Amino acid sequence: MSTRLQQLIEMLKDEPNDSFLNYALALEYAKNNDVPTAIELTEALLKRDENYLGAYYQLGKYYEQTGAIEKATDTYTKGIAIAKTQNNRKAQGELNEALMMLED
């Protein structure tokens, strides 16, 4: 287990519902080629905090890596809707682009 993973796990003991720490932990698992754990953590994060916009893009990418294209499409679509409500055009554009790449 990487030092970074250990640090994040320790930090989450004090703040288990911290969205950023959970997101960072999922990213770290993905970086260590454990995409199934990254998916599990990101899904749990979005159940707790559906407005954590960055997680939609990453979760969609994780689904793509595992061949779950329908789930990726659904995830990007949900993220686009959240981005619209938050008036976050940059995130909306990134999610739209990811969705279009899937449809090609």
N, C-alpha and C. Protein backbone atom coordinates (compact mmCIF):
# COMPACT_ATOMS: atom_id res chain seq x y z
N MET A 1 0.85 -1.18 0.00
CA MET A 1 0.00 0.00 0.00
C MET A 1 0.89 1.24 0.00
N SER A 2 0.55 2.18 -0.86
CA SER A 2 1.36 3.39 -0.97
C SER A 2 1.22 4.27 0.28
N THR A 3 2.21 5.09 0.47
CA THR A 3 2.20 6.03 1.60
C THR A 3 1.01 6.97 1.48
N ARG A 4 0.72 7.41 0.27
CA ARG A 4 -0.40 8.33 0.04
C ARG A 4 -1.72 7.66 0.43
N LEU A 5 -1.89 6.40 0.05
CA LEU A 5 -3.10 5.67 0.43
C LEU A 5 -3.22 5.60 1.95
N GLN A 6 -2.15 5.27 2.59
CA GLN A 6 -2.15 5.17 4.06
C GLN A 6 -2.51 6.50 4.70
N GLN A 7 -1.96 7.58 4.18
CA GLN A 7 -2.25 8.91 4.72
C GLN A 7 -3.74 9.25 4.58
N LEU A 8 -4.29 8.98 3.40
CA LEU A 8 -5.71 9.29 3.18
C LEU A 8 -6.61 8.46 4.08
N ILE A 9 -6.29 7.19 4.23
CA ILE A 9 -7.09 6.32 5.10
C ILE A 9 -7.04 6.83 6.54
N GLU A 10 -5.88 7.25 6.99
CA GLU A 10 -5.74 7.80 8.34
C GLU A 10 -6.56 9.08 8.49
N MET A 11 -6.49 9.96 7.50
CA MET A 11 -7.23 11.21 7.57
C MET A 11 -8.75 10.96 7.59
N LEU A 12 -9.19 9.94 6.87
CA LEU A 12 -10.61 9.63 6.83
C LEU A 12 -11.13 9.05 8.14
N LYS A 13 -10.25 8.56 8.98
CA LYS A 13 -10.68 8.07 10.29
C LYS A 13 -11.26 9.21 11.11
N ASP A 14 -10.69 10.41 10.94
CA ASP A 14 -11.17 11.59 11.67
C ASP A 14 -12.37 12.24 10.98
N GLU A 15 -12.40 12.16 9.66
CA GLU A 15 -13.47 12.80 8.89
C GLU A 15 -13.98 11.85 7.81
N PRO A 16 -14.71 10.82 8.21
CA PRO A 16 -15.13 9.78 7.25
C PRO A 16 -16.07 10.27 6.15
N ASN A 17 -16.75 11.36 6.36
CA ASN A 17 -17.69 11.85 5.34
C ASN A 17 -17.15 13.02 4.53
N ASP A 18 -15.86 13.29 4.65
CA ASP A 18 -15.26 14.38 3.89
C ASP A 18 -15.22 13.99 2.41
N SER A 19 -15.96 14.70 1.61
CA SER A 19 -16.09 14.37 0.18
C SER A 19 -14.75 14.44 -0.55
N PHE A 20 -13.98 15.48 -0.28
CA PHE A 20 -12.69 15.61 -0.98
C PHE A 20 -11.75 14.46 -0.62
N LEU A 21 -11.68 14.09 0.65
CA LEU A 21 -10.80 12.99 1.05
C LEU A 21 -11.24 11.67 0.43
N ASN A 22 -12.54 11.43 0.38
CA ASN A 22 -13.05 10.21 -0.25
C ASN A 22 -12.75 10.20 -1.74
N TYR A 23 -12.89 11.34 -2.38
CA TYR A 23 -12.58 11.47 -3.80
C TYR A 23 -11.09 11.21 -4.04
N ALA A 24 -10.25 11.81 -3.21
CA ALA A 24 -8.80 11.62 -3.33
C ALA A 24 -8.42 10.16 -3.11
N LEU A 25 -9.08 9.50 -2.17
CA LEU A 25 -8.80 8.09 -1.91
C LEU A 25 -9.16 7.24 -3.14
N ALA A 26 -10.29 7.51 -3.74
CA ALA A 26 -10.69 6.78 -4.95
C ALA A 26 -9.68 6.99 -6.07
N LEU A 27 -9.24 8.24 -6.25
CA LEU A 27 -8.23 8.54 -7.27
C LEU A 27 -6.95 7.75 -7.02
N GLU A 28 -6.57 7.67 -5.76
CA GLU A 28 -5.33 6.97 -5.40
C GLU A 28 -5.45 5.47 -5.69
N TYR A 29 -6.60 4.89 -5.38
CA TYR A 29 -6.81 3.47 -5.71
C TYR A 29 -6.74 3.26 -7.22
N ALA A 30 -7.34 4.15 -7.98
CA ALA A 30 -7.30 4.03 -9.44
C ALA A 30 -5.87 4.13 -9.95
N LYS A 31 -5.11 5.05 -9.35
CA LYS A 31 -3.72 5.23 -9.74
C LYS A 31 -2.90 3.96 -9.46
N ASN A 32 -3.33 3.21 -8.45
CA ASN A 32 -2.67 1.95 -8.09
C ASN A 32 -3.32 0.74 -8.78
N ASN A 33 -4.04 1.03 -9.88
CA ASN A 33 -4.68 -0.01 -10.70
C ASN A 33 -5.74 -0.83 -9.98
N ASP A 34 -6.38 -0.26 -8.99
CA ASP A 34 -7.49 -0.92 -8.31
C ASP A 34 -8.78 -0.15 -8.65
N VAL A 35 -9.18 -0.27 -9.90
CA VAL A 35 -10.35 0.45 -10.39
C VAL A 35 -11.64 -0.02 -9.71
N PRO A 36 -11.81 -1.32 -9.43
CA PRO A 36 -13.05 -1.72 -8.74
C PRO A 36 -13.23 -1.02 -7.39
N THR A 37 -12.16 -0.86 -6.63
CA THR A 37 -12.27 -0.14 -5.36
C THR A 37 -12.54 1.33 -5.60
N ALA A 38 -11.91 1.91 -6.62
CA ALA A 38 -12.16 3.32 -6.97
C ALA A 38 -13.63 3.53 -7.32
N ILE A 39 -14.20 2.59 -8.07
CA ILE A 39 -15.62 2.67 -8.42
C ILE A 39 -16.48 2.61 -7.16
N GLU A 40 -16.21 1.65 -6.31
CA GLU A 40 -16.98 1.48 -5.08
C GLU A 40 -16.95 2.75 -4.22
N LEU A 41 -15.76 3.31 -4.05
CA LEU A 41 -15.62 4.52 -3.23
C LEU A 41 -16.31 5.73 -3.86
N THR A 42 -16.21 5.85 -5.18
CA THR A 42 -16.83 7.00 -5.84
C THR A 42 -18.35 6.88 -5.86
N GLU A 43 -18.86 5.67 -6.04
CA GLU A 43 -20.32 5.48 -5.95
C GLU A 43 -20.82 5.84 -4.55
N ALA A 44 -20.10 5.41 -3.53
CA ALA A 44 -20.49 5.73 -2.15
C ALA A 44 -20.45 7.24 -1.91
N LEU A 45 -19.42 7.89 -2.44
CA LEU A 45 -19.29 9.34 -2.30
C LEU A 45 -20.51 10.04 -2.91
N LEU A 46 -20.90 9.63 -4.11
CA LEU A 46 -22.03 10.29 -4.78
C LEU A 46 -23.36 9.98 -4.12
N LYS A 47 -23.45 8.86 -3.42
CA LYS A 47 -24.68 8.59 -2.65
C LYS A 47 -24.79 9.57 -1.48
N ARG A 48 -23.64 9.90 -0.87
CA ARG A 48 -23.62 10.83 0.26
C ARG A 48 -23.69 12.28 -0.19
N ASP A 49 -23.04 12.57 -1.32
CA ASP A 49 -22.91 13.96 -1.77
C ASP A 49 -23.10 14.01 -3.28
N GLU A 50 -24.35 14.00 -3.73
CA GLU A 50 -24.63 13.93 -5.17
C GLU A 50 -24.18 15.18 -5.92
N ASN A 51 -23.85 16.25 -5.20
CA ASN A 51 -23.41 17.48 -5.84
C ASN A 51 -21.89 17.58 -6.01
N TYR A 52 -21.16 16.53 -5.64
CA TYR A 52 -19.69 16.55 -5.79
C TYR A 52 -19.37 16.30 -7.26
N LEU A 53 -19.33 17.36 -8.01
CA LEU A 53 -19.33 17.33 -9.46
C LEU A 53 -18.15 16.58 -10.08
N GLY A 54 -16.96 16.77 -9.56
CA GLY A 54 -15.78 16.13 -10.15
C GLY A 54 -15.87 14.62 -10.16
N ALA A 55 -16.62 14.06 -9.24
CA ALA A 55 -16.71 12.61 -9.12
C ALA A 55 -17.44 11.99 -10.31
N TYR A 56 -18.31 12.72 -10.96
CA TYR A 56 -19.06 12.17 -12.10
C TYR A 56 -18.13 11.85 -13.27
N TYR A 57 -17.23 12.76 -13.55
CA TYR A 57 -16.29 12.53 -14.65
C TYR A 57 -15.42 11.32 -14.36
N GLN A 58 -14.86 11.28 -13.16
CA GLN A 58 -13.97 10.17 -12.80
C GLN A 58 -14.71 8.85 -12.80
N LEU A 59 -15.90 8.82 -12.22
CA LEU A 59 -16.66 7.58 -12.17
C LEU A 59 -16.99 7.10 -13.59
N GLY A 60 -17.35 8.03 -14.45
CA GLY A 60 -17.61 7.67 -15.85
C GLY A 60 -16.38 7.04 -16.49
N LYS A 61 -15.21 7.62 -16.24
CA LYS A 61 -13.96 7.08 -16.78
C LYS A 61 -13.67 5.69 -16.21
N TYR A 62 -13.92 5.51 -14.93
CA TYR A 62 -13.71 4.18 -14.33
C TYR A 62 -14.61 3.15 -15.00
N TYR A 63 -15.87 3.53 -15.20
CA TYR A 63 -16.80 2.62 -15.87
C TYR A 63 -16.31 2.29 -17.28
N GLU A 64 -15.82 3.31 -17.99
CA GLU A 64 -15.29 3.06 -19.33
C GLU A 64 -14.15 2.04 -19.28
N GLN A 65 -13.26 2.19 -18.31
CA GLN A 65 -12.12 1.28 -18.19
C GLN A 65 -12.55 -0.16 -17.98
N THR A 66 -13.69 -0.35 -17.34
CA THR A 66 -14.15 -1.70 -17.05
C THR A 66 -15.17 -2.19 -18.08
N GLY A 67 -15.43 -1.38 -19.11
CA GLY A 67 -16.35 -1.80 -20.17
C GLY A 67 -17.81 -1.58 -19.86
N ALA A 68 -18.11 -0.89 -18.76
CA ALA A 68 -19.51 -0.62 -18.39
C ALA A 68 -19.97 0.68 -19.04
N ILE A 69 -20.14 0.62 -20.36
CA ILE A 69 -20.42 1.82 -21.16
C ILE A 69 -21.77 2.44 -20.81
N GLU A 70 -22.77 1.62 -20.57
CA GLU A 70 -24.09 2.17 -20.21
C GLU A 70 -24.02 2.93 -18.89
N LYS A 71 -23.30 2.38 -17.93
CA LYS A 71 -23.15 3.07 -16.64
C LYS A 71 -22.37 4.37 -16.83
N ALA A 72 -21.36 4.34 -17.70
CA ALA A 72 -20.58 5.56 -17.97
C ALA A 72 -21.48 6.63 -18.57
N THR A 73 -22.30 6.24 -19.53
CA THR A 73 -23.22 7.17 -20.17
C THR A 73 -24.18 7.78 -19.15
N ASP A 74 -24.75 6.94 -18.31
CA ASP A 74 -25.67 7.42 -17.27
C ASP A 74 -24.98 8.38 -16.31
N THR A 75 -23.75 8.05 -15.95
CA THR A 75 -23.00 8.87 -15.00
C THR A 75 -22.68 10.24 -15.60
N TYR A 76 -22.21 10.26 -16.84
CA TYR A 76 -21.94 11.54 -17.49
C TYR A 76 -23.22 12.37 -17.61
N THR A 77 -24.32 11.73 -17.96
CA THR A 77 -25.59 12.44 -18.11
C THR A 77 -26.04 13.05 -16.79
N LYS A 78 -25.93 12.30 -15.71
CA LYS A 78 -26.28 12.84 -14.38
C LYS A 78 -25.36 14.00 -14.02
N GLY A 79 -24.07 13.85 -14.31
CA GLY A 79 -23.11 14.92 -14.02
C GLY A 79 -23.42 16.19 -14.79
N ILE A 80 -23.82 16.03 -16.04
CA ILE A 80 -24.18 17.19 -16.87
C ILE A 80 -25.36 17.94 -16.24
N ALA A 81 -26.35 17.20 -15.76
CA ALA A 81 -27.51 17.82 -15.12
C ALA A 81 -27.10 18.58 -13.86
N ILE A 82 -26.22 17.98 -13.05
CA ILE A 82 -25.73 18.65 -11.84
C ILE A 82 -24.94 19.91 -12.22
N ALA A 83 -24.10 19.79 -13.23
CA ALA A 83 -23.29 20.95 -13.67
C ALA A 83 -24.19 22.09 -14.11
N LYS A 84 -25.28 21.76 -14.80
CA LYS A 84 -26.23 22.80 -15.23
C LYS A 84 -26.84 23.51 -14.03
N THR A 85 -27.25 22.74 -13.01
CA THR A 85 -27.86 23.36 -11.83
C THR A 85 -26.85 24.21 -11.07
N GLN A 86 -25.58 23.85 -11.15
CA GLN A 86 -24.53 24.61 -10.47
C GLN A 86 -23.97 25.72 -11.35
N ASN A 87 -24.49 25.79 -12.59
CA ASN A 87 -24.01 26.77 -13.57
C ASN A 87 -22.49 26.66 -13.76
N ASN A 88 -22.00 25.43 -13.80
CA ASN A 88 -20.57 25.17 -13.97
C ASN A 88 -20.34 24.74 -15.42
N ARG A 89 -20.08 25.72 -16.26
CA ARG A 89 -19.95 25.45 -17.70
C ARG A 89 -18.72 24.63 -18.03
N LYS A 90 -17.65 24.84 -17.29
CA LYS A 90 -16.42 24.08 -17.56
C LYS A 90 -16.66 22.59 -17.33
N ALA A 91 -17.21 22.24 -16.19
CA ALA A 91 -17.49 20.82 -15.89
C ALA A 91 -18.52 20.27 -16.86
N GLN A 92 -19.52 21.07 -17.17
CA GLN A 92 -20.55 20.63 -18.12
C GLN A 92 -19.91 20.31 -19.47
N GLY A 93 -19.00 21.15 -19.91
CA GLY A 93 -18.31 20.93 -21.19
C GLY A 93 -17.47 19.66 -21.17
N GLU A 94 -16.75 19.45 -20.07
CA GLU A 94 -15.92 18.24 -19.95
C GLU A 94 -16.76 16.98 -19.96
N LEU A 95 -17.87 17.02 -19.25
CA LEU A 95 -18.76 15.86 -19.21
C LEU A 95 -19.44 15.63 -20.56
N ASN A 96 -19.84 16.71 -21.22
CA ASN A 96 -20.42 16.59 -22.57
C ASN A 96 -19.41 15.97 -23.53
N GLU A 97 -18.17 16.41 -23.45
CA GLU A 97 -17.12 15.89 -24.33
C GLU A 97 -16.90 14.39 -24.06
N ALA A 98 -16.86 14.01 -22.80
CA ALA A 98 -16.68 12.60 -22.46
C ALA A 98 -17.84 11.77 -23.00
N LEU A 99 -19.05 12.30 -22.89
CA LEU A 99 -20.23 11.62 -23.39
C LEU A 99 -20.18 11.48 -24.92
N MET A 100 -19.79 12.54 -25.59
CA MET A 100 -19.69 12.49 -27.05
C MET A 100 -18.64 11.48 -27.51
N MET A 101 -17.54 11.40 -26.78
CA MET A 101 -16.48 10.45 -27.13
C MET A 101 -17.00 9.01 -27.02
N LEU A 102 -17.87 8.78 -26.07
CA LEU A 102 -18.46 7.44 -25.92
C LEU A 102 -19.37 7.10 -27.08
N GLU A 103 -20.06 8.09 -27.58
CA GLU A 103 -21.04 7.88 -28.63
C GLU A 103 -20.41 7.75 -30.01
N ASP A 104 -19.15 8.09 -30.15
CA ASP A 104 -18.46 7.96 -31.44
C ASP A 104 -18.16 6.53 -31.80
